[in-house]
Amino acid sequence: HTIKGNAGIFELKPLIQLCHAFETRFTTLQSKAEAPT
């Protein structure tokens, strides 16, 4: 999330999108209390 926020300073949209997708996947695992495969 910190990387994503800092990337916003430079409008690095591909980096922001990649971070967002990463966060989404790991937040889903976290909310389901699942260990990552």
Full PDB file with SEQRES, HELIX, SHEET, SSBOND, CRYST1, ORIGX, SCALE, CONECT and MASTER records, all heavy atoms in Angstrom:
SEQRES   1 A   37  HIS THR ILE LYS GLY ASN ALA GLY ILE PHE GLU LEU LYS          
SEQRES   2 A   37  PRO LEU ILE GLN LEU CYS HIS ALA PHE GLU THR ARG PHE          
SEQRES   3 A   37  THR THR LEU GLN SER LYS ALA GLU ALA PRO THR                  
HELIX    1 AA1 THR A    2  ALA A    7  1                                   6    
HELIX    2 AA2 GLY A    8  PHE A   10  5                                   3    
HELIX    3 AA3 LYS A   13  SER A   31  1                                  19    
CRYST1    1.000    1.000    1.000  90.00  90.00  90.00 P 1           1          
ORIGX1      1.000000  0.000000  0.000000        0.00000                         
ORIGX2      0.000000  1.000000  0.000000        0.00000                         
ORIGX3      0.000000  0.000000  1.000000        0.00000                         
SCALE1      1.000000  0.000000  0.000000        0.00000                         
SCALE2      0.000000  1.000000  0.000000        0.00000                         
SCALE3      0.000000  0.000000  1.000000        0.00000                         
ATOM      1  N   HIS A   1       0.833  -1.207   0.000  1.00  0.00           N  
ATOM      2  CA  HIS A   1       0.000   0.000   0.000  1.00  0.00           C  
ATOM      3  C   HIS A   1       0.870   1.262   0.000  1.00  0.00           C  
ATOM      4  O   HIS A   1       0.541   2.245  -0.670  1.00  0.00           O  
ATOM      5  CB  HIS A   1      -0.945  -0.010   1.203  1.00  0.00           C  
ATOM      6  CG  HIS A   1      -1.956   1.083   1.161  1.00  0.00           C  
ATOM      7  ND1 HIS A   1      -3.056   1.045   0.334  1.00  0.00           N  
ATOM      8  CD2 HIS A   1      -2.030   2.261   1.824  1.00  0.00           C  
ATOM      9  CE1 HIS A   1      -3.755   2.151   0.501  1.00  0.00           C  
ATOM     10  NE2 HIS A   1      -3.159   2.908   1.396  1.00  0.00           N  
ATOM     11  N   THR A   2       1.960   1.220   0.712  1.00  0.00           N  
ATOM     12  CA  THR A   2       2.879   2.362   0.744  1.00  0.00           C  
ATOM     13  C   THR A   2       3.485   2.600  -0.639  1.00  0.00           C  
ATOM     14  O   THR A   2       3.567   3.742  -1.100  1.00  0.00           O  
ATOM     15  CB  THR A   2       3.984   2.137   1.792  1.00  0.00           C  
ATOM     16  OG1 THR A   2       3.371   2.014   3.081  1.00  0.00           O  
ATOM     17  CG2 THR A   2       4.984   3.276   1.811  1.00  0.00           C  
ATOM     18  N   ILE A   3       3.905   1.525  -1.293  1.00  0.00           N  
ATOM     19  CA  ILE A   3       4.444   1.653  -2.654  1.00  0.00           C  
ATOM     20  C   ILE A   3       3.384   2.277  -3.563  1.00  0.00           C  
ATOM     21  O   ILE A   3       3.664   3.188  -4.340  1.00  0.00           O  
ATOM     22  CB  ILE A   3       4.872   0.275  -3.220  1.00  0.00           C  
ATOM     23  CG1 ILE A   3       6.030  -0.314  -2.428  1.00  0.00           C  
ATOM     24  CG2 ILE A   3       5.206   0.379  -4.703  1.00  0.00           C  
ATOM     25  CD1 ILE A   3       7.364   0.301  -2.677  1.00  0.00           C  
ATOM     26  N   LYS A   4       2.149   1.775  -3.465  1.00  0.00           N  
ATOM     27  CA  LYS A   4       1.061   2.279  -4.308  1.00  0.00           C  
ATOM     28  C   LYS A   4       0.829   3.762  -4.072  1.00  0.00           C  
ATOM     29  O   LYS A   4       0.724   4.543  -5.026  1.00  0.00           O  
ATOM     30  CB  LYS A   4      -0.224   1.489  -4.039  1.00  0.00           C  
ATOM     31  CG  LYS A   4      -1.397   1.919  -4.915  1.00  0.00           C  
ATOM     32  CD  LYS A   4      -2.594   1.026  -4.717  1.00  0.00           C  
ATOM     33  CE  LYS A   4      -3.325   1.378  -3.438  1.00  0.00           C  
ATOM     34  NZ  LYS A   4      -4.600   0.657  -3.307  1.00  0.00           N  
ATOM     35  N   GLY A   5       0.783   4.154  -2.816  1.00  0.00           N  
ATOM     36  CA  GLY A   5       0.557   5.564  -2.500  1.00  0.00           C  
ATOM     37  C   GLY A   5       1.687   6.453  -2.991  1.00  0.00           C  
ATOM     38  O   GLY A   5       1.452   7.514  -3.575  1.00  0.00           O  
ATOM     39  N   ASN A   6       2.906   6.010  -2.784  1.00  0.00           N  
ATOM     40  CA  ASN A   6       4.055   6.791  -3.224  1.00  0.00           C  
ATOM     41  C   ASN A   6       4.135   6.863  -4.748  1.00  0.00           C  
ATOM     42  O   ASN A   6       4.567   7.872  -5.309  1.00  0.00           O  
ATOM     43  CB  ASN A   6       5.352   6.218  -2.653  1.00  0.00           C  
ATOM     44  CG  ASN A   6       5.468   6.423  -1.161  1.00  0.00           C  
ATOM     45  OD1 ASN A   6       4.740   7.201  -0.552  1.00  0.00           O  
ATOM     46  ND2 ASN A   6       6.378   5.699  -0.543  1.00  0.00           N  
ATOM     47  N   ALA A   7       3.714   5.806  -5.424  1.00  0.00           N  
ATOM     48  CA  ALA A   7       3.722   5.793  -6.889  1.00  0.00           C  
ATOM     49  C   ALA A   7       2.768   6.847  -7.449  1.00  0.00           C  
ATOM     50  O   ALA A   7       2.974   7.358  -8.549  1.00  0.00           O  
ATOM     51  CB  ALA A   7       3.355   4.413  -7.414  1.00  0.00           C  
ATOM     52  N   GLY A   8       1.758   7.189  -6.679  1.00  0.00           N  
ATOM     53  CA  GLY A   8       0.813   8.208  -7.101  1.00  0.00           C  
ATOM     54  C   GLY A   8       1.445   9.567  -7.292  1.00  0.00           C  
ATOM     55  O   GLY A   8       1.006  10.351  -8.141  1.00  0.00           O  
ATOM     56  N   ILE A   9       2.493   9.843  -6.560  1.00  0.00           N  
ATOM     57  CA  ILE A   9       3.206  11.117  -6.703  1.00  0.00           C  
ATOM     58  C   ILE A   9       3.699  11.290  -8.137  1.00  0.00           C  
ATOM     59  O   ILE A   9       3.683  12.387  -8.680  1.00  0.00           O  
ATOM     60  CB  ILE A   9       4.402  11.190  -5.724  1.00  0.00           C  
ATOM     61  CG1 ILE A   9       3.904  11.177  -4.285  1.00  0.00           C  
ATOM     62  CG2 ILE A   9       5.274  12.409  -6.001  1.00  0.00           C  
ATOM     63  CD1 ILE A   9       5.007  10.955  -3.265  1.00  0.00           C  
ATOM     64  N   PHE A  10       4.141  10.194  -8.736  1.00  0.00           N  
ATOM     65  CA  PHE A  10       4.704  10.231 -10.080  1.00  0.00           C  
ATOM     66  C   PHE A  10       3.725   9.727 -11.144  1.00  0.00           C  
ATOM     67  O   PHE A  10       4.101   9.532 -12.290  1.00  0.00           O  
ATOM     68  CB  PHE A  10       5.998   9.400 -10.120  1.00  0.00           C  
ATOM     69  CG  PHE A  10       7.055   9.934  -9.209  1.00  0.00           C  
ATOM     70  CD1 PHE A  10       7.254   9.374  -7.957  1.00  0.00           C  
ATOM     71  CD2 PHE A  10       7.823  11.017  -9.581  1.00  0.00           C  
ATOM     72  CE1 PHE A  10       8.217   9.879  -7.096  1.00  0.00           C  
ATOM     73  CE2 PHE A  10       8.789  11.528  -8.734  1.00  0.00           C  
ATOM     74  CZ  PHE A  10       8.985  10.953  -7.490  1.00  0.00           C  
ATOM     75  N   GLU A  11       2.482   9.506 -10.735  1.00  0.00           N  
ATOM     76  CA  GLU A  11       1.432   9.030 -11.630  1.00  0.00           C  
ATOM     77  C   GLU A  11       1.864   7.771 -12.384  1.00  0.00           C  
ATOM     78  O   GLU A  11       1.661   7.639 -13.585  1.00  0.00           O  
ATOM     79  CB  GLU A  11       0.996  10.134 -12.590  1.00  0.00           C  
ATOM     80  CG  GLU A  11       0.424  11.341 -11.864  1.00  0.00           C  
ATOM     81  CD  GLU A  11       0.017  12.472 -12.796  1.00  0.00           C  
ATOM     82  OE1 GLU A  11       0.226  12.362 -14.018  1.00  0.00           O  
ATOM     83  OE2 GLU A  11      -0.521  13.459 -12.286  1.00  0.00           O  
ATOM     84  N   LEU A  12       2.455   6.842 -11.657  1.00  0.00           N  
ATOM     85  CA  LEU A  12       2.911   5.572 -12.234  1.00  0.00           C  
ATOM     86  C   LEU A  12       1.753   4.583 -12.265  1.00  0.00           C  
ATOM     87  O   LEU A  12       1.680   3.651 -11.459  1.00  0.00           O  
ATOM     88  CB  LEU A  12       4.084   5.017 -11.426  1.00  0.00           C  
ATOM     89  CG  LEU A  12       5.342   5.874 -11.409  1.00  0.00           C  
ATOM     90  CD1 LEU A  12       6.339   5.336 -10.400  1.00  0.00           C  
ATOM     91  CD2 LEU A  12       5.953   5.936 -12.793  1.00  0.00           C  
ATOM     92  N   LYS A  13       0.840   4.792 -13.190  1.00  0.00           N  
ATOM     93  CA  LYS A  13      -0.389   4.002 -13.234  1.00  0.00           C  
ATOM     94  C   LYS A  13      -0.149   2.494 -13.323  1.00  0.00           C  
ATOM     95  O   LYS A  13      -0.829   1.734 -12.639  1.00  0.00           O  
ATOM     96  CB  LYS A  13      -1.301   4.501 -14.347  1.00  0.00           C  
ATOM     97  CG  LYS A  13      -1.868   5.862 -14.019  1.00  0.00           C  
ATOM     98  CD  LYS A  13      -2.793   6.375 -15.069  1.00  0.00           C  
ATOM     99  CE  LYS A  13      -3.226   7.774 -14.634  1.00  0.00           C  
ATOM    100  NZ  LYS A  13      -4.024   8.450 -15.604  1.00  0.00           N  
ATOM    101  N   PRO A  14       0.790   2.013 -14.139  1.00  0.00           N  
ATOM    102  CA  PRO A  14       1.012   0.563 -14.161  1.00  0.00           C  
ATOM    103  C   PRO A  14       1.446   0.022 -12.787  1.00  0.00           C  
ATOM    104  O   PRO A  14       0.997  -1.049 -12.381  1.00  0.00           O  
ATOM    105  CB  PRO A  14       2.115   0.371 -15.208  1.00  0.00           C  
ATOM    106  CG  PRO A  14       1.997   1.571 -16.097  1.00  0.00           C  
ATOM    107  CD  PRO A  14       1.584   2.689 -15.177  1.00  0.00           C  
ATOM    108  N   LEU A  15       2.277   0.759 -12.083  1.00  0.00           N  
ATOM    109  CA  LEU A  15       2.709   0.325 -10.756  1.00  0.00           C  
ATOM    110  C   LEU A  15       1.549   0.379  -9.771  1.00  0.00           C  
ATOM    111  O   LEU A  15       1.357  -0.543  -8.974  1.00  0.00           O  
ATOM    112  CB  LEU A  15       3.876   1.184 -10.262  1.00  0.00           C  
ATOM    113  CG  LEU A  15       4.468   0.823  -8.906  1.00  0.00           C  
ATOM    114  CD1 LEU A  15       4.911  -0.638  -8.856  1.00  0.00           C  
ATOM    115  CD2 LEU A  15       5.639   1.754  -8.584  1.00  0.00           C  
ATOM    116  N   ILE A  16       0.762   1.407  -9.852  1.00  0.00           N  
ATOM    117  CA  ILE A  16      -0.407   1.544  -8.980  1.00  0.00           C  
ATOM    118  C   ILE A  16      -1.375   0.384  -9.219  1.00  0.00           C  
ATOM    119  O   ILE A  16      -1.870  -0.236  -8.273  1.00  0.00           O  
ATOM    120  CB  ILE A  16      -1.101   2.908  -9.198  1.00  0.00           C  
ATOM    121  CG1 ILE A  16      -0.186   4.044  -8.727  1.00  0.00           C  
ATOM    122  CG2 ILE A  16      -2.459   2.954  -8.497  1.00  0.00           C  
ATOM    123  CD1 ILE A  16      -0.618   5.427  -9.186  1.00  0.00           C  
ATOM    124  N   GLN A  17      -1.630   0.062 -10.484  1.00  0.00           N  
ATOM    125  CA  GLN A  17      -2.545  -1.036 -10.815  1.00  0.00           C  
ATOM    126  C   GLN A  17      -2.005  -2.383 -10.345  1.00  0.00           C  
ATOM    127  O   GLN A  17      -2.757  -3.214  -9.828  1.00  0.00           O  
ATOM    128  CB  GLN A  17      -2.812  -1.057 -12.320  1.00  0.00           C  
ATOM    129  CG  GLN A  17      -3.625   0.131 -12.789  1.00  0.00           C  
ATOM    130  CD  GLN A  17      -3.668   0.257 -14.302  1.00  0.00           C  
ATOM    131  OE1 GLN A  17      -2.830  -0.296 -15.016  1.00  0.00           O  
ATOM    132  NE2 GLN A  17      -4.655   0.994 -14.794  1.00  0.00           N  
ATOM    133  N   LEU A  18      -0.707  -2.594 -10.505  1.00  0.00           N  
ATOM    134  CA  LEU A  18      -0.097  -3.843 -10.055  1.00  0.00           C  
ATOM    135  C   LEU A  18      -0.205  -3.970  -8.539  1.00  0.00           C  
ATOM    136  O   LEU A  18      -0.566  -5.028  -8.021  1.00  0.00           O  
ATOM    137  CB  LEU A  18       1.368  -3.901 -10.509  1.00  0.00           C  
ATOM    138  CG  LEU A  18       2.148  -5.153 -10.146  1.00  0.00           C  
ATOM    139  CD1 LEU A  18       1.471  -6.411 -10.663  1.00  0.00           C  
ATOM    140  CD2 LEU A  18       3.568  -5.037 -10.697  1.00  0.00           C  
ATOM    141  N   CYS A  19       0.085  -2.899  -7.832  1.00  0.00           N  
ATOM    142  CA  CYS A  19      -0.032  -2.914  -6.366  1.00  0.00           C  
ATOM    143  C   CYS A  19      -1.470  -3.183  -5.947  1.00  0.00           C  
ATOM    144  O   CYS A  19      -1.722  -3.942  -5.008  1.00  0.00           O  
ATOM    145  CB  CYS A  19       0.438  -1.586  -5.779  1.00  0.00           C  
ATOM    146  SG  CYS A  19       2.214  -1.303  -5.870  1.00  0.00           S  
ATOM    147  N   HIS A  20      -2.410  -2.550  -6.643  1.00  0.00           N  
ATOM    148  CA  HIS A  20      -3.822  -2.732  -6.300  1.00  0.00           C  
ATOM    149  C   HIS A  20      -4.237  -4.198  -6.477  1.00  0.00           C  
ATOM    150  O   HIS A  20      -4.903  -4.778  -5.602  1.00  0.00           O  
ATOM    151  CB  HIS A  20      -4.695  -1.819  -7.147  1.00  0.00           C  
ATOM    152  CG  HIS A  20      -6.142  -1.916  -6.815  1.00  0.00           C  
ATOM    153  ND1 HIS A  20      -6.675  -1.419  -5.643  1.00  0.00           N  
ATOM    154  CD2 HIS A  20      -7.164  -2.490  -7.487  1.00  0.00           C  
ATOM    155  CE1 HIS A  20      -7.969  -1.682  -5.613  1.00  0.00           C  
ATOM    156  NE2 HIS A  20      -8.290  -2.326  -6.710  1.00  0.00           N  
ATOM    157  N   ALA A  21      -3.833  -4.814  -7.585  1.00  0.00           N  
ATOM    158  CA  ALA A  21      -4.163  -6.226  -7.817  1.00  0.00           C  
ATOM    159  C   ALA A  21      -3.526  -7.113  -6.751  1.00  0.00           C  
ATOM    160  O   ALA A  21      -4.164  -8.048  -6.247  1.00  0.00           O  
ATOM    161  CB  ALA A  21      -3.702  -6.643  -9.211  1.00  0.00           C  
ATOM    162  N   PHE A  22      -2.294  -6.820  -6.386  1.00  0.00           N  
ATOM    163  CA  PHE A  22      -1.586  -7.564  -5.344  1.00  0.00           C  
ATOM    164  C   PHE A  22      -2.353  -7.452  -4.026  1.00  0.00           C  
ATOM    165  O   PHE A  22      -2.613  -8.455  -3.361  1.00  0.00           O  
ATOM    166  CB  PHE A  22      -0.174  -6.980  -5.198  1.00  0.00           C  
ATOM    167  CG  PHE A  22       0.730  -7.737  -4.277  1.00  0.00           C  
ATOM    168  CD1 PHE A  22       1.716  -8.551  -4.793  1.00  0.00           C  
ATOM    169  CD2 PHE A  22       0.631  -7.607  -2.901  1.00  0.00           C  
ATOM    170  CE1 PHE A  22       2.585  -9.247  -3.948  1.00  0.00           C  
ATOM    171  CE2 PHE A  22       1.476  -8.286  -2.055  1.00  0.00           C  
ATOM    172  CZ  PHE A  22       2.462  -9.117  -2.578  1.00  0.00           C  
ATOM    173  N   GLU A  23      -2.707  -6.213  -3.665  1.00  0.00           N  
ATOM    174  CA  GLU A  23      -3.457  -5.995  -2.421  1.00  0.00           C  
ATOM    175  C   GLU A  23      -4.785  -6.749  -2.426  1.00  0.00           C  
ATOM    176  O   GLU A  23      -5.162  -7.357  -1.416  1.00  0.00           O  
ATOM    177  CB  GLU A  23      -3.763  -4.502  -2.228  1.00  0.00           C  
ATOM    178  CG  GLU A  23      -2.592  -3.668  -1.824  1.00  0.00           C  
ATOM    179  CD  GLU A  23      -2.971  -2.201  -1.721  1.00  0.00           C  
ATOM    180  OE1 GLU A  23      -3.636  -1.670  -2.642  1.00  0.00           O  
ATOM    181  OE2 GLU A  23      -2.604  -1.586  -0.715  1.00  0.00           O  
ATOM    182  N   THR A  24      -5.478  -6.721  -3.537  1.00  0.00           N  
ATOM    183  CA  THR A  24      -6.768  -7.386  -3.637  1.00  0.00           C  
ATOM    184  C   THR A  24      -6.630  -8.882  -3.382  1.00  0.00           C  
ATOM    185  O   THR A  24      -7.392  -9.471  -2.611  1.00  0.00           O  
ATOM    186  CB  THR A  24      -7.411  -7.132  -5.020  1.00  0.00           C  
ATOM    187  OG1 THR A  24      -7.609  -5.721  -5.179  1.00  0.00           O  
ATOM    188  CG2 THR A  24      -8.736  -7.863  -5.160  1.00  0.00           C  
ATOM    189  N   ARG A  25      -5.630  -9.498  -4.011  1.00  0.00           N  
ATOM    190  CA  ARG A  25      -5.446 -10.943  -3.854  1.00  0.00           C  
ATOM    191  C   ARG A  25      -5.100 -11.309  -2.419  1.00  0.00           C  
ATOM    192  O   ARG A  25      -5.669 -12.244  -1.841  1.00  0.00           O  
ATOM    193  CB  ARG A  25      -4.341 -11.432  -4.803  1.00  0.00           C  
ATOM    194  CG  ARG A  25      -4.115 -12.925  -4.725  1.00  0.00           C  
ATOM    195  CD  ARG A  25      -5.363 -13.669  -5.221  1.00  0.00           C  
ATOM    196  NE  ARG A  25      -5.156 -15.100  -5.144  1.00  0.00           N  
ATOM    197  CZ  ARG A  25      -5.879 -15.904  -4.370  1.00  0.00           C  
ATOM    198  NH1 ARG A  25      -6.861 -15.439  -3.636  1.00  0.00           N  
ATOM    199  NH2 ARG A  25      -5.630 -17.200  -4.347  1.00  0.00           N  
ATOM    200  N   PHE A  26      -4.176 -10.558  -1.813  1.00  0.00           N  
ATOM    201  CA  PHE A  26      -3.749 -10.906  -0.463  1.00  0.00           C  
ATOM    202  C   PHE A  26      -4.772 -10.486   0.600  1.00  0.00           C  
ATOM    203  O   PHE A  26      -4.882 -11.134   1.636  1.00  0.00           O  
ATOM    204  CB  PHE A  26      -2.345 -10.359  -0.181  1.00  0.00           C  
ATOM    205  CG  PHE A  26      -1.282 -11.248  -0.760  1.00  0.00           C  
ATOM    206  CD1 PHE A  26      -0.872 -11.091  -2.067  1.00  0.00           C  
ATOM    207  CD2 PHE A  26      -0.738 -12.285  -0.019  1.00  0.00           C  
ATOM    208  CE1 PHE A  26       0.079 -11.924  -2.630  1.00  0.00           C  
ATOM    209  CE2 PHE A  26       0.210 -13.138  -0.562  1.00  0.00           C  
ATOM    210  CZ  PHE A  26       0.624 -12.959  -1.873  1.00  0.00           C  
ATOM    211  N   THR A  27      -5.556  -9.472   0.330  1.00  0.00           N  
ATOM    212  CA  THR A  27      -6.630  -9.097   1.248  1.00  0.00           C  
ATOM    213  C   THR A  27      -7.705 -10.177   1.261  1.00  0.00           C  
ATOM    214  O   THR A  27      -8.256 -10.502   2.318  1.00  0.00           O  
ATOM    215  CB  THR A  27      -7.237  -7.732   0.868  1.00  0.00           C  
ATOM    216  OG1 THR A  27      -6.221  -6.736   0.961  1.00  0.00           O  
ATOM    217  CG2 THR A  27      -8.391  -7.351   1.774  1.00  0.00           C  
ATOM    218  N   THR A  28      -7.981 -10.749   0.095  1.00  0.00           N  
ATOM    219  CA  THR A  28      -8.954 -11.845   0.011  1.00  0.00           C  
ATOM    220  C   THR A  28      -8.482 -13.038   0.840  1.00  0.00           C  
ATOM    221  O   THR A  28      -9.259 -13.610   1.616  1.00  0.00           O  
ATOM    222  CB  THR A  28      -9.177 -12.264  -1.458  1.00  0.00           C  
ATOM    223  OG1 THR A  28      -9.679 -11.141  -2.182  1.00  0.00           O  
ATOM    224  CG2 THR A  28     -10.146 -13.429  -1.560  1.00  0.00           C  
ATOM    225  N   LEU A  29      -7.223 -13.401   0.701  1.00  0.00           N  
ATOM    226  CA  LEU A  29      -6.684 -14.504   1.502  1.00  0.00           C  
ATOM    227  C   LEU A  29      -6.769 -14.188   2.988  1.00  0.00           C  
ATOM    228  O   LEU A  29      -7.142 -15.030   3.799  1.00  0.00           O  
ATOM    229  CB  LEU A  29      -5.226 -14.780   1.125  1.00  0.00           C  
ATOM    230  CG  LEU A  29      -4.971 -15.409  -0.233  1.00  0.00           C  
ATOM    231  CD1 LEU A  29      -3.477 -15.481  -0.493  1.00  0.00           C  
ATOM    232  CD2 LEU A  29      -5.589 -16.791  -0.310  1.00  0.00           C  
ATOM    233  N   GLN A  30      -6.393 -12.967   3.337  1.00  0.00           N  
ATOM    234  CA  GLN A  30      -6.401 -12.545   4.739  1.00  0.00           C  
ATOM    235  C   GLN A  30      -7.815 -12.617   5.315  1.00  0.00           C  
ATOM    236  O   GLN A  30      -8.012 -13.137   6.418  1.00  0.00           O  
ATOM    237  CB  GLN A  30      -5.855 -11.126   4.852  1.00  0.00           C  
ATOM    238  CG  GLN A  30      -5.815 -10.589   6.261  1.00  0.00           C  
ATOM    239  CD  GLN A  30      -5.388  -9.127   6.292  1.00  0.00           C  
ATOM    240  OE1 GLN A  30      -5.783  -8.344   5.422  1.00  0.00           O  
ATOM    241  NE2 GLN A  30      -4.597  -8.764   7.274  1.00  0.00           N  
ATOM    242  N   SER A  31      -8.789 -12.131   4.574  1.00  0.00           N  
ATOM    243  CA  SER A  31     -10.159 -12.106   5.086  1.00  0.00           C  
ATOM    244  C   SER A  31     -10.738 -13.512   5.245  1.00  0.00           C  
ATOM    245  O   SER A  31     -11.594 -13.741   6.089  1.00  0.00           O  
ATOM    246  CB  SER A  31     -11.057 -11.258   4.188  1.00  0.00           C  
ATOM    247  OG  SER A  31     -11.229 -11.869   2.931  1.00  0.00           O  
ATOM    248  N   LYS A  32     -10.273 -14.450   4.431  1.00  0.00           N  
ATOM    249  CA  LYS A  32     -10.729 -15.834   4.527  1.00  0.00           C  
ATOM    250  C   LYS A  32      -9.844 -16.662   5.460  1.00  0.00           C  
ATOM    251  O   LYS A  32     -10.082 -17.852   5.632  1.00  0.00           O  
ATOM    252  CB  LYS A  32     -10.734 -16.481   3.146  1.00  0.00           C  
ATOM    253  CG  LYS A  32     -11.748 -15.893   2.201  1.00  0.00           C  
ATOM    254  CD  LYS A  32     -11.674 -16.588   0.856  1.00  0.00           C  
ATOM    255  CE  LYS A  32     -12.705 -16.025  -0.099  1.00  0.00           C  
ATOM    256  NZ  LYS A  32     -12.637 -16.700  -1.406  1.00  0.00           N  
ATOM    257  N   ALA A  33      -8.831 -16.018   6.028  1.00  0.00           N  
ATOM    258  CA  ALA A  33      -7.863 -16.692   6.910  1.00  0.00           C  
ATOM    259  C   ALA A  33      -7.229 -17.894   6.209  1.00  0.00           C  
ATOM    260  O   ALA A  33      -7.037 -18.946   6.807  1.00  0.00           O  
ATOM    261  CB  ALA A  33      -8.521 -17.094   8.231  1.00  0.00           C  
ATOM    262  N   GLU A  34      -6.926 -17.703   4.924  1.00  0.00           N  
ATOM    263  CA  GLU A  34      -6.293 -18.762   4.137  1.00  0.00           C  
ATOM    264  C   GLU A  34      -4.801 -18.487   4.011  1.00  0.00           C  
ATOM    265  O   GLU A  34      -4.387 -17.353   3.801  1.00  0.00           O  
ATOM    266  CB  GLU A  34      -6.884 -18.817   2.724  1.00  0.00           C  
ATOM    267  CG  GLU A  34      -8.307 -19.291   2.663  1.00  0.00           C  
ATOM    268  CD  GLU A  34      -8.824 -19.336   1.230  1.00  0.00           C  
ATOM    269  OE1 GLU A  34      -8.021 -19.291   0.276  1.00  0.00           O  
ATOM    270  OE2 GLU A  34     -10.049 -19.401   1.084  1.00  0.00           O  
ATOM    271  N   ALA A  35      -4.029 -19.538   4.098  1.00  0.00           N  
ATOM    272  CA  ALA A  35      -2.592 -19.412   3.845  1.00  0.00           C  
ATOM    273  C   ALA A  35      -2.376 -19.342   2.336  1.00  0.00           C  
ATOM    274  O   ALA A  35      -3.062 -20.015   1.576  1.00  0.00           O  
ATOM    275  CB  ALA A  35      -1.852 -20.604   4.430  1.00  0.00           C  
ATOM    276  N   PRO A  36      -1.429 -18.537   1.897  1.00  0.00           N  
ATOM    277  CA  PRO A  36      -1.161 -18.469   0.461  1.00  0.00           C  
ATOM    278  C   PRO A  36      -0.520 -19.772  -0.035  1.00  0.00           C  
ATOM    279  O   PRO A  36       0.338 -20.340   0.631  1.00  0.00           O  
ATOM    280  CB  PRO A  36      -0.195 -17.297   0.320  1.00  0.00           C  
ATOM    281  CG  PRO A  36       0.350 -17.049   1.676  1.00  0.00           C  
ATOM    282  CD  PRO A  36      -0.622 -17.598   2.660  1.00  0.00           C  
ATOM    283  N   THR A  37      -0.959 -20.211  -1.186  1.00  0.00           N  
ATOM    284  CA  THR A  37      -0.385 -21.405  -1.801  1.00  0.00           C  
ATOM    285  C   THR A  37       0.967 -21.050  -2.417  1.00  0.00           C  
ATOM    286  O   THR A  37       1.314 -19.861  -2.552  1.00  0.00           O  
ATOM    287  CB  THR A  37      -1.304 -21.941  -2.915  1.00  0.00           C  
ATOM    288  OG1 THR A  37      -1.392 -20.934  -3.938  1.00  0.00           O  
ATOM    289  CG2 THR A  37      -2.688 -22.290  -2.382  1.00  0.00           C  
TER     290      THR A  37                                                      
MASTER        0    0    0    3    0    0    0    6  289    1    0    3          
END                                                                             
